[in-house]
Each structure stands twice: as structure tokens, then as C-alpha cells.
Amino acid sequence: MEIVEITSRVLGARCTIAAAGGVAVVVDAGAGVGAEVLRVADERGLRIVAVLATHGHADHTWDAGPLTARLGVPLLIHAADAYRLDDPFGTLGVLGDAPPGGEGALAQVLRLAGLDPAAYAPPAQVVTFGGTPGPDGRSADEVLDLDGVTVVARHAPGHTEGSTIFLLDGPVALTGDVVFAGTIGRTDLPGGDDLVMSRTLREVVEHLPHDARLLPGHGPATLLSKELRHNPYLG
């Protein structure tokens, strides 16, 4: 599988293009990445068939609306996080809240990146996955067959209710804001939960393929084997 990584100008969010046989999916179309995604696809002769989101925070979905509209493809996201797409600021809590007469943190970082906070447009075509949670609070794995690109969607709540780890051939795990190199995602924003995150780390992350390469939502790539040895929140 061919992997191309693009870093957003907003909070350094990772956007990933995963391709096989000329067919590609995009994971986490963060703010300002759309033009580069289209350039890479054109340069490499890739046909993008879907955009996926590891979770619904705006730094991972800001360009999903215009990108899916331009390509005529859906955005796929866990059902528990889909509501965030219609309110990127209000669902971010303190990061989205604006003081009287001012702008919140998200709006400020968008402006610093040369983007207009008022220009957000939600995706018109949204497809959700993730059924009724089981006794462990997680929905079952779903195998997404996207025109020959196979992605396993594994529910990994804690950072948000619908946070998802996407597993690709390699093995490669796109972990969103669940786990990073040396640390984990924050749990103090709306929908975050310390206890749920602890269970996800113990029952989901630590049981990923041990030879998996991890591509987090921010920061450097890492290996699960390395994180199990050195990440203080794992192992």
C-alpha cells in the first residue's frame, strides 16, 4: 500500500492518503490540505473514492466539506462523532469558545494559517459506521471495502466518543488523537473521558498488531512495539 502524508498548517494535523492499485482514500482532511491532496492525486494518477475521519474535531475535518464536494465522494466517520461536523467550534469546548468581542483558540490558529474561520462548510454527503456499542462500550470492528482499498475501522473512544483507529495493510494504524509518540490524546474536551481512554489503551491500542507502524493525528510516526516499551500510558 502506498502512503502519502501531508501536514496541515493548523496544529500540524496529519492527513494521510492511502492508495492501492491507483485507488485512494484520504484520512483526516485537516485545514488547508485540500489543494495538496488534489495535487498529489493528480501527480500520481490516483482516484480518490472516499474521505475518512478518525474523529470529528475540526483540525481533522476542516477541508472535508470542500474536498468531498470537489471529488463527489462521501465522508466516512463514526456515528458517535458525526454531530461535530455541523458545529466545529461549539463541539470543541474551550478551544472553540469565543470570549465577548473576540475569537476562540481555533479561530485564531485558523487565521494565523491564513484561513477564514467563517469559511467552514460541512460535508454534504456523510456516511456513518459504528453500530450499537457492546458491553465494553465500543462498537464492533467494521471492514470498509472502498473500491479495493480495505480499511478496518476500530472504535477507540476516550478522546471523543467516536474516535476511530483505521488499520491498513502493512500493518499501518492511523491512530488519530488516541495515541501519539510518547503520549496520548487529551480527554478534557467535550466527549473526552479519562476512564474510557484508559480502557481503550488497554483493550484496543495494546492489542493492535505489535509490528504496526503508527501514524498519529499529530507529531512523528512511531511503532507500537516502541510505544509499548517507552510510552508511560501503555504496557
C-alpha atoms as a PDB file:
ATOM      1  CA  MET A   1       0.000   0.000   0.000  1.00  0.00           C
ATOM      2  CA  GLU A   2       1.232   3.471  -0.933  1.00  0.00           C
ATOM      3  CA  ILE A   3       1.115   6.038   1.876  1.00  0.00           C
ATOM      4  CA  VAL A   4       1.482   9.797   1.428  1.00  0.00           C
ATOM      5  CA  GLU A   5       1.444  12.084   4.458  1.00  0.00           C
ATOM      6  CA  ILE A   6       0.504  15.768   4.388  1.00  0.00           C
ATOM      7  CA  THR A   7       0.816  18.079   7.389  1.00  0.00           C
ATOM      8  CA  SER A   8      -1.853  20.709   7.921  1.00  0.00           C
ATOM      9  CA  ARG A   9      -0.861  24.282   8.720  1.00  0.00           C
ATOM     10  CA  VAL A  10      -3.330  24.166  11.613  1.00  0.00           C
ATOM     11  CA  LEU A  11      -1.980  22.372  14.691  1.00  0.00           C
ATOM     12  CA  GLY A  12       0.192  20.166  12.489  1.00  0.00           C
ATOM     13  CA  ALA A  13      -2.605  17.651  11.946  1.00  0.00           C
ATOM     14  CA  ARG A  14      -1.624  14.686   9.796  1.00  0.00           C
ATOM     15  CA  CYS A  15      -3.594  13.981   6.629  1.00  0.00           C
ATOM     16  CA  THR A  16      -2.903  10.597   5.049  1.00  0.00           C
ATOM     17  CA  ILE A  17      -3.511   9.400   1.517  1.00  0.00           C
ATOM     18  CA  ALA A  18      -3.585   5.593   1.344  1.00  0.00           C
ATOM     19  CA  ALA A  19      -3.615   4.031  -2.115  1.00  0.00           C
ATOM     20  CA  ALA A  20      -3.614   0.616  -3.743  1.00  0.00           C
ATOM     21  CA  GLY A  21      -3.869  -0.099  -7.449  1.00  0.00           C
ATOM     22  CA  GLY A  22      -4.466   3.538  -8.317  1.00  0.00           C
ATOM     23  CA  VAL A  23      -7.409   3.858  -5.907  1.00  0.00           C
ATOM     24  CA  ALA A  24      -7.010   6.039  -2.824  1.00  0.00           C
ATOM     25  CA  VAL A  25      -8.717   7.143   0.351  1.00  0.00           C
ATOM     26  CA  VAL A  26      -7.917  10.263   2.350  1.00  0.00           C
ATOM     27  CA  VAL A  27      -7.872  10.164   6.141  1.00  0.00           C
ATOM     28  CA  ASP A  28      -8.277  13.381   8.146  1.00  0.00           C
ATOM     29  CA  ALA A  29      -8.679  16.227   5.681  1.00  0.00           C
ATOM     30  CA  GLY A  30      -7.498  18.939   8.036  1.00  0.00           C
ATOM     31  CA  ALA A  31      -7.470  22.671   7.470  1.00  0.00           C
ATOM     32  CA  GLY A  32      -5.735  23.788   4.305  1.00  0.00           C
ATOM     33  CA  VAL A  33      -4.741  20.348   2.967  1.00  0.00           C
ATOM     34  CA  GLY A  34      -7.296  20.055   0.169  1.00  0.00           C
ATOM     35  CA  ALA A  35      -5.217  21.605  -2.605  1.00  0.00           C
ATOM     36  CA  GLU A  36      -2.209  19.442  -1.769  1.00  0.00           C
ATOM     37  CA  VAL A  37      -4.367  16.303  -1.671  1.00  0.00           C
ATOM     38  CA  LEU A  38      -5.644  17.076  -5.168  1.00  0.00           C
ATOM     39  CA  ARG A  39      -2.142  17.841  -6.422  1.00  0.00           C
ATOM     40  CA  VAL A  40      -0.751  14.549  -5.096  1.00  0.00           C
ATOM     41  CA  ALA A  41      -3.651  12.585  -6.544  1.00  0.00           C
ATOM     42  CA  ASP A  42      -3.187  14.187  -9.954  1.00  0.00           C
ATOM     43  CA  GLU A  43       0.588  13.748  -9.916  1.00  0.00           C
ATOM     44  CA  ARG A  44       0.345  10.056  -9.010  1.00  0.00           C
ATOM     45  CA  GLY A  45      -2.712   9.224 -11.050  1.00  0.00           C
ATOM     46  CA  LEU A  46      -4.825   8.325  -8.019  1.00  0.00           C
ATOM     47  CA  ARG A  47      -8.607   8.104  -7.974  1.00  0.00           C
ATOM     48  CA  ILE A  48      -9.856   9.154  -4.540  1.00  0.00           C
ATOM     49  CA  VAL A  49     -13.025   7.260  -3.601  1.00  0.00           C
ATOM     50  CA  ALA A  50     -13.644   8.403  -0.024  1.00  0.00           C
ATOM     51  CA  VAL A  51     -12.516  10.716   2.756  1.00  0.00           C
ATOM     52  CA  LEU A  52     -12.392   9.249   6.274  1.00  0.00           C
ATOM     53  CA  ALA A  53     -12.133  10.966   9.650  1.00  0.00           C
ATOM     54  CA  THR A  54     -10.525   9.456  12.741  1.00  0.00           C
ATOM     55  CA  HIS A  55     -12.765  11.765  14.766  1.00  0.00           C
ATOM     56  CA  GLY A  56     -14.845  14.882  14.378  1.00  0.00           C
ATOM     57  CA  HIS A  57     -12.571  17.647  15.675  1.00  0.00           C
ATOM     58  CA  ALA A  58     -12.216  20.488  13.217  1.00  0.00           C
ATOM     59  CA  ASP A  59      -8.440  20.241  12.839  1.00  0.00           C
ATOM     60  CA  HIS A  60      -9.064  16.813  11.261  1.00  0.00           C
ATOM     61  CA  THR A  61     -12.178  17.620   9.216  1.00  0.00           C
ATOM     62  CA  TRP A  62     -11.991  21.286   8.172  1.00  0.00           C
ATOM     63  CA  ASP A  63     -11.326  20.602   4.485  1.00  0.00           C
ATOM     64  CA  ALA A  64     -13.577  17.526   4.297  1.00  0.00           C
ATOM     65  CA  GLY A  65     -16.547  19.555   3.045  1.00  0.00           C
ATOM     66  CA  PRO A  66     -14.940  21.225   0.026  1.00  0.00           C
ATOM     67  CA  LEU A  67     -12.772  18.194  -0.752  1.00  0.00           C
ATOM     68  CA  THR A  68     -15.646  15.714  -0.817  1.00  0.00           C
ATOM     69  CA  ALA A  69     -17.718  18.163  -2.860  1.00  0.00           C
ATOM     70  CA  ARG A  70     -14.931  18.614  -5.397  1.00  0.00           C
ATOM     71  CA  LEU A  71     -14.390  14.850  -5.711  1.00  0.00           C
ATOM     72  CA  GLY A  72     -18.023  13.783  -5.457  1.00  0.00           C
ATOM     73  CA  VAL A  73     -17.246  11.293  -2.681  1.00  0.00           C
ATOM     74  CA  PRO A  74     -18.563  10.784   0.871  1.00  0.00           C
ATOM     75  CA  LEU A  75     -17.015  11.478   4.234  1.00  0.00           C
ATOM     76  CA  LEU A  76     -16.972   8.392   6.454  1.00  0.00           C
ATOM     77  CA  ILE A  77     -16.998   8.928  10.214  1.00  0.00           C
ATOM     78  CA  HIS A  78     -18.111   7.025  13.301  1.00  0.00           C
ATOM     79  CA  ALA A  79     -21.759   7.739  14.055  1.00  0.00           C
ATOM     80  CA  ALA A  80     -20.936   8.964  17.565  1.00  0.00           C
ATOM     81  CA  ASP A  81     -18.829  11.836  16.200  1.00  0.00           C
ATOM     82  CA  ALA A  82     -20.895  12.864  13.173  1.00  0.00           C
ATOM     83  CA  TYR A  83     -22.701  15.637  15.092  1.00  0.00           C
ATOM     84  CA  ARG A  84     -19.442  17.564  15.363  1.00  0.00           C
ATOM     85  CA  LEU A  85     -19.389  18.210  11.620  1.00  0.00           C
ATOM     86  CA  ASP A  86     -22.258  20.699  11.926  1.00  0.00           C
ATOM     87  CA  ASP A  87     -20.705  22.682  14.789  1.00  0.00           C
ATOM     88  CA  PRO A  88     -16.899  22.631  14.631  1.00  0.00           C
ATOM     89  CA  PHE A  89     -16.486  25.433  17.169  1.00  0.00           C
ATOM     90  CA  GLY A  90     -19.200  24.627  19.685  1.00  0.00           C
ATOM     91  CA  THR A  91     -18.176  20.981  19.999  1.00  0.00           C
ATOM     92  CA  LEU A  92     -14.569  21.876  20.870  1.00  0.00           C
ATOM     93  CA  GLY A  93     -15.349  23.367  24.261  1.00  0.00           C
ATOM     94  CA  VAL A  94     -12.744  25.838  25.477  1.00  0.00           C
ATOM     95  CA  LEU A  95     -10.806  25.633  22.201  1.00  0.00           C
ATOM     96  CA  GLY A  96     -13.816  26.750  20.191  1.00  0.00           C
ATOM     97  CA  ASP A  97     -15.475  29.146  22.628  1.00  0.00           C
ATOM     98  CA  ALA A  98     -15.092  32.821  21.809  1.00  0.00           C
ATOM     99  CA  PRO A  99     -14.867  35.465  24.541  1.00  0.00           C
ATOM    100  CA  PRO A 100     -17.140  38.522  24.207  1.00  0.00           C
ATOM    101  CA  GLY A 101     -15.925  40.575  21.287  1.00  0.00           C
ATOM    102  CA  GLY A 102     -13.125  38.156  20.466  1.00  0.00           C
ATOM    103  CA  GLU A 103     -12.273  34.849  18.850  1.00  0.00           C
ATOM    104  CA  GLY A 104     -11.617  31.451  20.340  1.00  0.00           C
ATOM    105  CA  ALA A 105      -8.390  29.483  20.051  1.00  0.00           C
ATOM    106  CA  LEU A 106      -9.469  27.536  16.962  1.00  0.00           C
ATOM    107  CA  ALA A 107     -10.453  30.676  15.074  1.00  0.00           C
ATOM    108  CA  GLN A 108      -7.145  32.291  15.993  1.00  0.00           C
ATOM    109  CA  VAL A 109      -4.997  29.409  14.736  1.00  0.00           C
ATOM    110  CA  LEU A 110      -7.027  29.284  11.532  1.00  0.00           C
ATOM    111  CA  ARG A 111      -6.344  32.976  10.932  1.00  0.00           C
ATOM    112  CA  LEU A 112      -2.645  32.503  11.690  1.00  0.00           C
ATOM    113  CA  ALA A 113      -2.613  29.845   8.972  1.00  0.00           C
ATOM    114  CA  GLY A 114      -4.188  32.283   6.523  1.00  0.00           C
ATOM    115  CA  LEU A 115      -7.627  30.663   6.643  1.00  0.00           C
ATOM    116  CA  ASP A 116     -11.020  32.247   7.250  1.00  0.00           C
ATOM    117  CA  PRO A 117     -12.834  30.781  10.278  1.00  0.00           C
ATOM    118  CA  ALA A 118     -16.155  31.783   8.718  1.00  0.00           C
ATOM    119  CA  ALA A 119     -15.480  29.757   5.564  1.00  0.00           C
ATOM    120  CA  TYR A 120     -16.198  26.336   7.079  1.00  0.00           C
ATOM    121  CA  ALA A 121     -18.624  24.176   5.085  1.00  0.00           C
ATOM    122  CA  PRO A 122     -19.696  20.758   6.381  1.00  0.00           C
ATOM    123  CA  PRO A 123     -19.638  17.755   4.064  1.00  0.00           C
ATOM    124  CA  ALA A 124     -22.880  17.315   2.147  1.00  0.00           C
ATOM    125  CA  GLN A 125     -22.530  13.540   1.879  1.00  0.00           C
ATOM    126  CA  VAL A 126     -21.760  11.817   5.185  1.00  0.00           C
ATOM    127  CA  VAL A 127     -21.731   8.043   5.679  1.00  0.00           C
ATOM    128  CA  THR A 128     -21.500   6.788   9.242  1.00  0.00           C
ATOM    129  CA  PHE A 129     -20.230   3.498  10.581  1.00  0.00           C
ATOM    130  CA  GLY A 130     -20.318   2.073  14.091  1.00  0.00           C
ATOM    131  CA  GLY A 131     -23.403   0.320  15.359  1.00  0.00           C
ATOM    132  CA  THR A 132     -24.776  -0.116  18.843  1.00  0.00           C
ATOM    133  CA  PRO A 133     -21.932  -0.306  21.384  1.00  0.00           C
ATOM    134  CA  GLY A 134     -21.347  -3.648  23.062  1.00  0.00           C
ATOM    135  CA  PRO A 135     -20.919  -4.298  26.800  1.00  0.00           C
ATOM    136  CA  ASP A 136     -17.410  -2.824  26.570  1.00  0.00           C
ATOM    137  CA  GLY A 137     -18.815   0.491  25.321  1.00  0.00           C
ATOM    138  CA  ARG A 138     -17.355   0.064  21.848  1.00  0.00           C
ATOM    139  CA  SER A 139     -18.953  -0.773  18.542  1.00  0.00           C
ATOM    140  CA  ALA A 140     -17.631  -3.780  16.645  1.00  0.00           C
ATOM    141  CA  ASP A 141     -14.886  -3.522  14.039  1.00  0.00           C
ATOM    142  CA  GLU A 142     -16.109  -2.686  10.564  1.00  0.00           C
ATOM    143  CA  VAL A 143     -14.294  -3.669   7.382  1.00  0.00           C
ATOM    144  CA  LEU A 144     -14.644  -0.858   4.856  1.00  0.00           C
ATOM    145  CA  ASP A 145     -14.081  -2.079   1.286  1.00  0.00           C
ATOM    146  CA  LEU A 146     -13.602   1.117  -0.656  1.00  0.00           C
ATOM    147  CA  ASP A 147     -13.190   0.099  -4.294  1.00  0.00           C
ATOM    148  CA  GLY A 148     -10.354  -2.255  -3.433  1.00  0.00           C
ATOM    149  CA  VAL A 149      -8.779  -0.257  -0.610  1.00  0.00           C
ATOM    150  CA  THR A 150      -9.579  -2.198   2.548  1.00  0.00           C
ATOM    151  CA  VAL A 151      -9.687  -0.316   5.835  1.00  0.00           C
ATOM    152  CA  VAL A 152     -10.612  -1.787   9.209  1.00  0.00           C
ATOM    153  CA  ALA A 153     -12.373   0.782  11.399  1.00  0.00           C
ATOM    154  CA  ARG A 154     -11.773   0.052  15.094  1.00  0.00           C
ATOM    155  CA  HIS A 155     -13.714   2.113  17.633  1.00  0.00           C
ATOM    156  CA  ALA A 156     -11.332   3.685  20.159  1.00  0.00           C
ATOM    157  CA  PRO A 157     -13.275   6.200  22.294  1.00  0.00           C
ATOM    158  CA  GLY A 158     -11.796   8.370  25.011  1.00  0.00           C
ATOM    159  CA  HIS A 159     -10.532  11.447  23.172  1.00  0.00           C
ATOM    160  CA  THR A 160     -14.003  11.733  21.641  1.00  0.00           C
ATOM    161  CA  GLU A 161     -16.995   9.408  21.709  1.00  0.00           C
ATOM    162  CA  GLY A 162     -16.452   8.198  18.158  1.00  0.00           C
ATOM    163  CA  SER A 163     -12.667   8.215  17.879  1.00  0.00           C
ATOM    164  CA  THR A 164     -11.551   5.507  15.478  1.00  0.00           C
ATOM    165  CA  ILE A 165      -8.280   3.797  14.622  1.00  0.00           C
ATOM    166  CA  PHE A 166      -8.022   2.843  10.958  1.00  0.00           C
ATOM    167  CA  LEU A 167      -5.977  -0.269  10.186  1.00  0.00           C
ATOM    168  CA  LEU A 168      -4.338  -0.662   6.783  1.00  0.00           C
ATOM    169  CA  ASP A 169      -2.173  -3.315   5.186  1.00  0.00           C
ATOM    170  CA  GLY A 170       1.418  -3.086   6.351  1.00  0.00           C
ATOM    171  CA  PRO A 171       0.308  -3.167   9.083  1.00  0.00           C
ATOM    172  CA  VAL A 172      -0.273   0.553   9.498  1.00  0.00           C
ATOM    173  CA  ALA A 173      -2.560   2.093  12.133  1.00  0.00           C
ATOM    174  CA  LEU A 174      -3.880   5.629  11.742  1.00  0.00           C
ATOM    175  CA  THR A 175      -4.498   6.451  15.384  1.00  0.00           C
ATOM    176  CA  GLY A 176      -5.925   9.968  15.196  1.00  0.00           C
ATOM    177  CA  ASP A 177      -5.690  11.628  18.603  1.00  0.00           C
ATOM    178  CA  VAL A 178      -5.870   8.399  20.607  1.00  0.00           C
ATOM    179  CA  VAL A 179      -2.149   7.740  20.942  1.00  0.00           C
ATOM    180  CA  PHE A 180       0.941   9.693  19.885  1.00  0.00           C
ATOM    181  CA  ALA A 181       4.663   9.064  20.048  1.00  0.00           C
ATOM    182  CA  GLY A 182       5.356   9.085  23.785  1.00  0.00           C
ATOM    183  CA  THR A 183       1.936  10.240  24.940  1.00  0.00           C
ATOM    184  CA  ILE A 184      -1.828  10.050  24.354  1.00  0.00           C
ATOM    185  CA  GLY A 185      -4.683  12.324  23.352  1.00  0.00           C
ATOM    186  CA  ARG A 186      -6.291  14.742  25.759  1.00  0.00           C
ATOM    187  CA  THR A 187      -9.544  13.822  27.458  1.00  0.00           C
ATOM    188  CA  ASP A 188     -10.643  17.197  28.850  1.00  0.00           C
ATOM    189  CA  LEU A 189     -12.636  18.381  25.824  1.00  0.00           C
ATOM    190  CA  PRO A 190     -16.352  17.627  25.316  1.00  0.00           C
ATOM    191  CA  GLY A 191     -16.830  13.912  24.731  1.00  0.00           C
ATOM    192  CA  GLY A 192     -13.495  13.006  26.291  1.00  0.00           C
ATOM    193  CA  ASP A 193     -13.314  10.601  29.222  1.00  0.00           C
ATOM    194  CA  ASP A 194     -10.294   9.500  31.270  1.00  0.00           C
ATOM    195  CA  LEU A 195     -11.728   6.123  32.222  1.00  0.00           C
ATOM    196  CA  VAL A 196     -12.892   5.351  28.705  1.00  0.00           C
ATOM    197  CA  MET A 197      -9.484   6.326  27.329  1.00  0.00           C
ATOM    198  CA  SER A 198      -7.727   4.062  29.833  1.00  0.00           C
ATOM    199  CA  ARG A 199      -9.876   1.151  28.732  1.00  0.00           C
ATOM    200  CA  THR A 200      -9.248   1.928  25.062  1.00  0.00           C
ATOM    201  CA  LEU A 201      -5.499   1.996  25.620  1.00  0.00           C
ATOM    202  CA  ARG A 202      -5.601  -1.283  27.498  1.00  0.00           C
ATOM    203  CA  GLU A 203      -8.085  -3.170  25.337  1.00  0.00           C
ATOM    204  CA  VAL A 204      -7.623  -1.643  21.879  1.00  0.00           C
ATOM    205  CA  VAL A 205      -4.238   0.038  21.426  1.00  0.00           C
ATOM    206  CA  GLU A 206      -2.193  -2.563  23.278  1.00  0.00           C
ATOM    207  CA  HIS A 207      -3.826  -5.284  21.151  1.00  0.00           C
ATOM    208  CA  LEU A 208      -3.014  -3.772  17.779  1.00  0.00           C
ATOM    209  CA  PRO A 209      -0.511  -5.790  15.698  1.00  0.00           C
ATOM    210  CA  HIS A 210       2.773  -5.410  17.571  1.00  0.00           C
ATOM    211  CA  ASP A 211       4.672  -4.736  14.363  1.00  0.00           C
ATOM    212  CA  ALA A 212       2.265  -1.952  13.375  1.00  0.00           C
ATOM    213  CA  ARG A 213       3.554   1.412  12.256  1.00  0.00           C
ATOM    214  CA  LEU A 214       1.524   4.126  13.970  1.00  0.00           C
ATOM    215  CA  LEU A 215       0.624   7.333  12.151  1.00  0.00           C
ATOM    216  CA  PRO A 216      -0.857   9.609  14.837  1.00  0.00           C
ATOM    217  CA  GLY A 217      -3.031  12.622  14.209  1.00  0.00           C
ATOM    218  CA  HIS A 218      -0.156  14.914  15.210  1.00  0.00           C
ATOM    219  CA  GLY A 219       3.597  14.530  15.541  1.00  0.00           C
ATOM    220  CA  PRO A 220       6.035  11.896  14.335  1.00  0.00           C
ATOM    221  CA  ALA A 221       5.205   8.388  13.230  1.00  0.00           C
ATOM    222  CA  THR A 222       6.187   5.632  15.617  1.00  0.00           C
ATOM    223  CA  LEU A 223       5.979   1.877  16.151  1.00  0.00           C
ATOM    224  CA  LEU A 224       3.598   0.138  18.515  1.00  0.00           C
ATOM    225  CA  SER A 225       6.465  -2.022  19.756  1.00  0.00           C
ATOM    226  CA  LYS A 226       8.360   1.137  20.703  1.00  0.00           C
ATOM    227  CA  GLU A 227       5.342   2.702  22.407  1.00  0.00           C
ATOM    228  CA  LEU A 228       4.709  -0.440  24.459  1.00  0.00           C
ATOM    229  CA  ARG A 229       8.248  -0.111  25.809  1.00  0.00           C
ATOM    230  CA  HIS A 230       8.516   3.641  26.287  1.00  0.00           C
ATOM    231  CA  ASN A 231       5.088   5.314  26.323  1.00  0.00           C
ATOM    232  CA  PRO A 232       4.210   5.810  30.021  1.00  0.00           C
ATOM    233  CA  TYR A 233       0.497   5.335  29.265  1.00  0.00           C
ATOM    234  CA  LEU A 234       0.918   1.901  27.666  1.00  0.00           C
ATOM    235  CA  GLY A 235       2.195  -1.516  28.582  1.00  0.00           C
END
